[in-house]
Amino acid sequence: MSDETLNGYRQSIDNIDAALVFMLAERFKVTKAVGRYKASAGLPPADPGREESQIARLRGLANDAQLDADFSEKFLRFIIDEVIRHHERVRDGG
C-alpha cells in the first residue's frame, strides 16, 4: 500500500536532512580554518564571550521561528563543543 501524502512528507524531510548535512559540512570547513588561524596567531581555542552571544542570538532566532529555544541551544552547544575540541587538537599540533 502506498501513501502518497506520507511519501511526500518523507521526501521533504529527506531533502531537509541532506541540506542540514551539507550546511554543517560547510560550517565545519570554516571553523577548521578558524582553528588553524587561532593556532597560528596564538589565540585560545575557546571564546566564551562569543559563545554566549551566539547562543543568545540563536535562541532569539529559534523564538522567531517558533522552534524550541532550549533545543536550539543544546544543538548549538554540541556544535560549539565539537569545534573547540578541533581547535584544541590543532593548537596542540594534532
C-alpha atoms as a PDB file:
ATOM      1  CA  MET A   1       0.000   0.000   0.000  1.00  0.00           C
ATOM      2  CA  SER A   2       1.395   3.399  -0.988  1.00  0.00           C
ATOM      3  CA  ASP A   3       0.522   6.571   0.872  1.00  0.00           C
ATOM      4  CA  GLU A   4       1.481   9.427  -1.451  1.00  0.00           C
ATOM      5  CA  THR A   5       0.903  12.097   1.193  1.00  0.00           C
ATOM      6  CA  LEU A   6       3.224  10.384   3.672  1.00  0.00           C
ATOM      7  CA  ASN A   7       5.782   9.692   0.954  1.00  0.00           C
ATOM      8  CA  GLY A   8       5.738  13.380   0.000  1.00  0.00           C
ATOM      9  CA  TYR A   9       6.366  14.445   3.589  1.00  0.00           C
ATOM     10  CA  ARG A  10       9.165  11.921   3.932  1.00  0.00           C
ATOM     11  CA  GLN A  11      10.807  13.133   0.728  1.00  0.00           C
ATOM     12  CA  SER A  12      10.756  16.684   2.071  1.00  0.00           C
ATOM     13  CA  ILE A  13      12.284  15.509   5.358  1.00  0.00           C
ATOM     14  CA  ASP A  14      14.988  13.628   3.433  1.00  0.00           C
ATOM     15  CA  ASN A  15      15.780  16.764   1.401  1.00  0.00           C
ATOM     16  CA  ILE A  16      15.977  18.889   4.550  1.00  0.00           C
ATOM     17  CA  ASP A  17      18.261  16.320   6.229  1.00  0.00           C
ATOM     18  CA  ALA A  18      20.565  16.380   3.212  1.00  0.00           C
ATOM     19  CA  ALA A  19      20.658  20.185   3.271  1.00  0.00           C
ATOM     20  CA  LEU A  20      21.479  20.134   7.004  1.00  0.00           C
ATOM     21  CA  VAL A  21      24.391  17.744   6.444  1.00  0.00           C
ATOM     22  CA  PHE A  22      25.839  19.907   3.679  1.00  0.00           C
ATOM     23  CA  MET A  23      25.345  23.090   5.734  1.00  0.00           C
ATOM     24  CA  LEU A  24      27.134  21.504   8.703  1.00  0.00           C
ATOM     25  CA  ALA A  25      29.947  20.378   6.416  1.00  0.00           C
ATOM     26  CA  GLU A  26      30.406  23.945   5.172  1.00  0.00           C
ATOM     27  CA  ARG A  27      30.271  25.300   8.719  1.00  0.00           C
ATOM     28  CA  PHE A  28      32.969  22.881   9.872  1.00  0.00           C
ATOM     29  CA  LYS A  29      35.187  23.743   6.893  1.00  0.00           C
ATOM     30  CA  VAL A  30      35.128  27.358   8.045  1.00  0.00           C
ATOM     31  CA  THR A  31      35.605  26.549  11.728  1.00  0.00           C
ATOM     32  CA  LYS A  32      38.596  24.356  10.842  1.00  0.00           C
ATOM     33  CA  ALA A  33      40.144  27.355   9.085  1.00  0.00           C
ATOM     34  CA  VAL A  34      39.391  29.453  12.173  1.00  0.00           C
ATOM     35  CA  GLY A  35      41.119  26.824  14.324  1.00  0.00           C
ATOM     36  CA  ARG A  36      44.233  26.929  12.156  1.00  0.00           C
ATOM     37  CA  TYR A  37      44.226  30.719  12.265  1.00  0.00           C
ATOM     38  CA  LYS A  38      43.793  30.803  16.051  1.00  0.00           C
ATOM     39  CA  ALA A  39      46.649  28.319  16.484  1.00  0.00           C
ATOM     40  CA  SER A  40      48.984  30.336  14.248  1.00  0.00           C
ATOM     41  CA  ALA A  41      48.035  33.603  15.983  1.00  0.00           C
ATOM     42  CA  GLY A  42      48.404  32.140  19.478  1.00  0.00           C
ATOM     43  CA  LEU A  43      44.723  32.673  20.279  1.00  0.00           C
ATOM     44  CA  PRO A  44      42.849  30.390  22.683  1.00  0.00           C
ATOM     45  CA  PRO A  45      40.651  27.650  21.182  1.00  0.00           C
ATOM     46  CA  ALA A  46      37.541  28.830  23.049  1.00  0.00           C
ATOM     47  CA  ASP A  47      35.951  32.258  23.181  1.00  0.00           C
ATOM     48  CA  PRO A  48      33.322  32.165  25.946  1.00  0.00           C
ATOM     49  CA  GLY A  49      32.041  35.679  25.169  1.00  0.00           C
ATOM     50  CA  ARG A  50      31.469  34.814  21.521  1.00  0.00           C
ATOM     51  CA  GLU A  51      29.834  31.530  22.504  1.00  0.00           C
ATOM     52  CA  GLU A  52      27.417  33.281  24.853  1.00  0.00           C
ATOM     53  CA  SER A  53      26.440  35.870  22.255  1.00  0.00           C
ATOM     54  CA  GLN A  54      25.968  33.179  19.601  1.00  0.00           C
ATOM     55  CA  ILE A  55      23.751  31.133  21.905  1.00  0.00           C
ATOM     56  CA  ALA A  56      21.669  34.203  22.771  1.00  0.00           C
ATOM     57  CA  ARG A  57      21.392  35.068  19.062  1.00  0.00           C
ATOM     58  CA  LEU A  58      20.341  31.533  18.158  1.00  0.00           C
ATOM     59  CA  ARG A  59      17.776  31.430  20.960  1.00  0.00           C
ATOM     60  CA  GLY A  60      16.256  34.630  19.557  1.00  0.00           C
ATOM     61  CA  LEU A  61      16.178  33.169  16.061  1.00  0.00           C
ATOM     62  CA  ALA A  62      14.593  29.995  17.415  1.00  0.00           C
ATOM     63  CA  ASN A  63      11.889  32.006  19.151  1.00  0.00           C
ATOM     64  CA  ASP A  64      11.220  33.931  15.927  1.00  0.00           C
ATOM     65  CA  ALA A  65      10.976  30.630  14.042  1.00  0.00           C
ATOM     66  CA  GLN A  66       8.718  29.091  16.708  1.00  0.00           C
ATOM     67  CA  LEU A  67      11.350  26.460  17.448  1.00  0.00           C
ATOM     68  CA  ASP A  68      12.124  25.316  20.979  1.00  0.00           C
ATOM     69  CA  ALA A  69      14.915  27.640  22.139  1.00  0.00           C
ATOM     70  CA  ASP A  70      16.249  25.060  24.619  1.00  0.00           C
ATOM     71  CA  PHE A  71      16.606  22.518  21.819  1.00  0.00           C
ATOM     72  CA  SER A  72      18.353  25.115  19.661  1.00  0.00           C
ATOM     73  CA  GLU A  73      20.779  25.936  22.455  1.00  0.00           C
ATOM     74  CA  LYS A  74      21.594  22.255  23.009  1.00  0.00           C
ATOM     75  CA  PHE A  75      22.167  21.825  19.275  1.00  0.00           C
ATOM     76  CA  LEU A  76      24.491  24.841  19.067  1.00  0.00           C
ATOM     77  CA  ARG A  77      26.306  23.855  22.264  1.00  0.00           C
ATOM     78  CA  PHE A  78      27.003  20.430  20.757  1.00  0.00           C
ATOM     79  CA  ILE A  79      28.456  22.076  17.640  1.00  0.00           C
ATOM     80  CA  ILE A  80      30.493  24.602  19.646  1.00  0.00           C
ATOM     81  CA  ASP A  81      31.951  21.865  21.843  1.00  0.00           C
ATOM     82  CA  GLU A  82      32.975  19.897  18.750  1.00  0.00           C
ATOM     83  CA  VAL A  83      34.606  22.978  17.216  1.00  0.00           C
ATOM     84  CA  ILE A  84      36.531  23.705  20.423  1.00  0.00           C
ATOM     85  CA  ARG A  85      37.795  20.103  20.521  1.00  0.00           C
ATOM     86  CA  HIS A  86      39.085  20.521  16.981  1.00  0.00           C
ATOM     87  CA  HIS A  87      40.711  23.877  17.787  1.00  0.00           C
ATOM     88  CA  GLU A  88      42.452  22.317  20.784  1.00  0.00           C
ATOM     89  CA  ARG A  89      43.806  19.473  18.607  1.00  0.00           C
ATOM     90  CA  VAL A  90      45.128  21.982  16.074  1.00  0.00           C
ATOM     91  CA  ARG A  91      46.710  24.093  18.826  1.00  0.00           C
ATOM     92  CA  ASP A  92      48.355  21.026  20.304  1.00  0.00           C
ATOM     93  CA  GLY A  93      49.723  20.029  16.912  1.00  0.00           C
ATOM     94  CA  GLY A  94      47.254  17.212  16.309  1.00  0.00           C
END
